Amino acid sequence: MRKTIIIVGLIIVIGIVAAGVFFFYAQNNNTTNSGDTTSLVNSSDTSTSATSLPPEENYGLPPQGPNVTIQTSQGGVAMNNFYLGQQIATSAPAVVVTSTSAYSIWYSRSDSSFEIDLADNSLHPQSAAAEAAFLKALGIDAAAACKLDVTVEGMTTDGDYMPIGGLSFCVATSSTFAQ
């Protein structure tokens, strides 16, 4: 009987110590798993344990008029408002301009660039069709398109996208992919 009481007492003491260690580490290591944006709680402040998260990007409300102008190093480029008819959160970093099974055309709100994603790595005829759709959707000509930052990417065999160039009709412009 005495051995049983000692064993039960020992188990209770070990449990209390383990719980104390767990709570100590949980309070002192109060972090998020979001990579570089992790913020540690001040370990000298035992009154609260709050985790600071990075602020959400806010790109503002999309333009509502029929046209938008994107500023580039070569001046502004006026185009059709590709935001119209889309539900876009103010925190959305990219907007789909147009998409088919052969290609998708995206606009990055963070750096004002465009990306044309081809369903495979072949440049023709998908690239020509995607470039024509890009010009048509934006309502611009080739000269205006060459002022924009545009990257053409092709899908690799493992499903990732790999940059393969810029617009085929642009020569030595910001739209030409730097290799």
Foldseek 3Di string as FASTA:
>chain_A
DVVVVVVVVVVVVVVVVVVVVVVLCCQQAVWDPPPPQIDGDDPVDPPDRDTDGDDQQFLDDADDDQWDWDQFPVGIFIWGRLCPPDDDGRRDQKDWSDDDCQWTWIAGSVPRAIEIEGAADDCPDSVVVSVVVVCVSGVHDPVSVLRGQYWYWGADPVGDTDTDFFRPPHDPGNRTDDD
